[in-house]
């Protein structure tokens, strides 16, 4: 690793999905987006469903993947994501998602109680659709 970079490793049940030397990365969490740079303090936390972005130091291009659930650790300049699922751009293809579709689901979410089992499933679906839209931009 050169100065100003750290290792990113993203795993799912399928195995190692992403391995790169990066200069920056963001990871979705329940409390918002987490940002990581070289020499970040040690960290352990939960991953939320959403868009992970990282700047690959090999070509300085920002790349994206969608993660759903799991844990995130940063130690000794290695950021490791152990995600329930990981979707790479090639996995998504050219999905068309309308803002109206997401808005309808969000309106339905507002009608549900946080204690309703359907709330969690719908919330995850909305987060995933928003992440797919973010990946396509």
Protein backbone atom coordinates (compact mmCIF):
# COMPACT_ATOMS: atom_id res chain seq x y z
CA UNK A 1 0.00 0.00 0.00
CA UNK A 2 1.20 3.46 -0.79
CA UNK A 3 0.75 6.50 1.45
CA UNK A 4 -2.82 7.72 1.56
CA UNK A 5 -4.43 4.37 0.77
CA UNK A 6 -5.89 1.41 2.63
CA UNK A 7 -7.26 -2.01 1.75
CA UNK A 8 -10.97 -2.61 1.17
CA UNK A 9 -12.35 -6.15 1.36
CA UNK A 10 -16.06 -6.85 0.86
CA UNK A 11 -17.37 -10.35 1.58
CA UNK A 12 -20.80 -11.96 1.21
CA UNK A 13 -22.00 -15.54 1.53
CA UNK A 14 -20.61 -16.05 -1.99
CA UNK A 15 -17.10 -15.17 -0.79
CA UNK A 16 -14.80 -12.24 -1.56
CA UNK A 17 -16.72 -9.78 -3.76
CA UNK A 18 -14.41 -6.74 -3.80
CA UNK A 19 -10.74 -6.32 -2.96
CA UNK A 20 -9.08 -3.02 -3.76
CA UNK A 21 -6.54 -0.50 -2.59
CA UNK A 22 -8.57 2.66 -2.02
CA UNK A 23 -8.09 6.25 -0.94
CA UNK A 24 -11.61 6.73 0.49
CA UNK A 25 -14.76 4.72 1.16
CA UNK A 26 -18.29 5.31 2.44
CA UNK A 27 -20.47 2.61 4.00
CA UNK A 28 -24.19 2.79 4.92
CA UNK A 29 -25.05 2.37 8.60
CA UNK A 30 -28.24 2.69 10.63
CA UNK A 31 -27.02 6.07 11.90
CA UNK A 32 -26.05 7.41 8.47
CA UNK A 33 -23.20 7.15 6.04
CA UNK A 34 -19.76 6.28 7.46
CA UNK A 35 -16.67 7.74 5.79
CA UNK A 36 -13.23 6.16 5.95
CA UNK A 37 -9.81 7.52 5.00
CA UNK A 38 -6.32 6.13 5.58
CA UNK A 39 -5.34 5.77 9.27
CA UNK A 40 -8.98 5.90 10.45
CA UNK A 41 -9.38 4.88 14.10
CA UNK A 42 -10.37 1.28 14.79
CA UNK A 43 -14.07 0.78 14.21
CA UNK A 44 -16.69 -1.99 14.44
CA UNK A 45 -20.32 -1.39 13.49
CA UNK A 46 -23.41 -2.64 11.71
CA UNK A 47 -24.02 -2.21 7.98
CA UNK A 48 -27.40 -0.99 6.75
CA UNK A 49 -28.86 -1.65 3.31
CA UNK A 50 -27.47 0.94 0.94
CA UNK A 51 -24.76 2.11 -1.41
CA UNK A 52 -21.08 1.61 -0.61
CA UNK A 53 -18.74 3.83 -2.61
CA UNK A 54 -14.96 3.72 -2.81
CA UNK A 55 -12.24 5.47 -4.76
CA UNK A 56 -9.93 2.89 -6.31
CA UNK A 57 -6.37 4.17 -6.04
CA UNK A 58 -5.29 2.20 -9.14
CA UNK A 59 -7.19 4.54 -11.48
CA UNK A 60 -8.76 7.13 -9.12
CA UNK A 61 -12.27 6.05 -10.21
CA UNK A 62 -15.16 5.94 -7.75
CA UNK A 63 -16.83 2.54 -7.79
CA UNK A 64 -20.09 1.42 -6.15
CA UNK A 65 -21.73 -1.69 -4.77
CA UNK A 66 -24.89 -2.32 -2.80
CA UNK A 67 -24.60 -4.00 0.59
CA UNK A 68 -27.41 -5.33 2.76
CA UNK A 69 -26.86 -6.00 6.45
CA UNK A 70 -23.78 -7.33 8.18
CA UNK A 71 -20.81 -5.82 9.98
CA UNK A 72 -18.03 -3.42 9.12
CA UNK A 73 -14.58 -3.24 10.70
CA UNK A 74 -11.63 -0.92 10.20
CA UNK A 75 -8.27 -1.85 11.73
CA UNK A 76 -4.64 -1.49 10.63
CA UNK A 77 -5.71 0.29 7.43
CA UNK A 78 -7.98 -2.55 6.34
CA UNK A 79 -11.71 -1.88 5.90
CA UNK A 80 -13.62 -5.17 5.93
CA UNK A 81 -17.32 -5.52 5.18
CA UNK A 82 -19.02 -8.82 5.98
CA UNK A 83 -22.38 -8.28 4.29
CA UNK A 84 -25.46 -10.45 4.08
CA UNK A 85 -25.65 -9.64 0.36
CA UNK A 86 -23.51 -7.67 -2.08
CA UNK A 87 -24.65 -6.51 -5.50
CA UNK A 88 -22.08 -5.27 -8.00
CA UNK A 89 -23.01 -3.10 -11.01
CA UNK A 90 -22.95 -6.15 -13.32
CA UNK A 91 -25.46 -7.87 -11.01
CA UNK A 92 -27.96 -5.03 -11.38
CA UNK A 93 -27.93 -4.51 -15.16
CA UNK A 94 -30.22 -1.77 -16.42
CA UNK A 95 -33.09 -1.86 -13.94
CA UNK A 96 -35.65 0.94 -14.34
CA UNK A 97 -37.02 2.30 -11.07
CA UNK A 98 -39.53 5.12 -10.99
CA UNK A 99 -39.66 7.77 -8.28
CA UNK A 100 -43.42 7.15 -8.11
CA UNK A 101 -42.85 3.50 -7.18
CA UNK A 102 -40.53 4.48 -4.34
CA UNK A 103 -42.85 7.27 -3.18
CA UNK A 104 -45.79 4.86 -2.97
CA UNK A 105 -43.75 2.45 -0.85
CA UNK A 106 -42.57 5.29 1.42
CA UNK A 107 -46.18 6.41 1.89
CA UNK A 108 -47.13 2.84 2.81
CA UNK A 109 -44.23 2.75 5.30
CA UNK A 110 -45.60 5.84 7.04
CA UNK A 111 -48.90 4.02 7.58
CA UNK A 112 -47.25 1.00 9.23
CA UNK A 113 -46.16 0.71 12.83
CA UNK A 114 -42.46 0.17 13.53
CA UNK A 115 -43.58 -2.96 15.38
CA UNK A 116 -45.35 -4.40 12.34
CA UNK A 117 -43.23 -7.19 10.79
CA UNK A 118 -44.10 -5.82 7.34
CA UNK A 119 -42.42 -2.50 8.20
CA UNK A 120 -38.90 -3.99 8.27
CA UNK A 121 -39.33 -5.85 4.97
CA UNK A 122 -40.75 -2.81 3.20
CA UNK A 123 -38.11 -0.54 4.72
CA UNK A 124 -35.36 -2.83 3.39
CA UNK A 125 -36.97 -2.88 -0.05
CA UNK A 126 -37.16 0.93 -0.20
CA UNK A 127 -33.52 1.24 0.92
CA UNK A 128 -32.43 -1.28 -1.71
CA UNK A 129 -34.36 0.48 -4.50
CA UNK A 130 -32.83 3.82 -3.49
CA UNK A 131 -29.37 2.22 -3.50
CA UNK A 132 -29.96 0.79 -6.98
CA UNK A 133 -30.99 4.26 -8.20
CA UNK A 134 -27.80 5.66 -6.66
CA UNK A 135 -25.69 3.02 -8.37
CA UNK A 136 -27.23 3.81 -11.76
CA UNK A 137 -26.36 7.52 -11.51
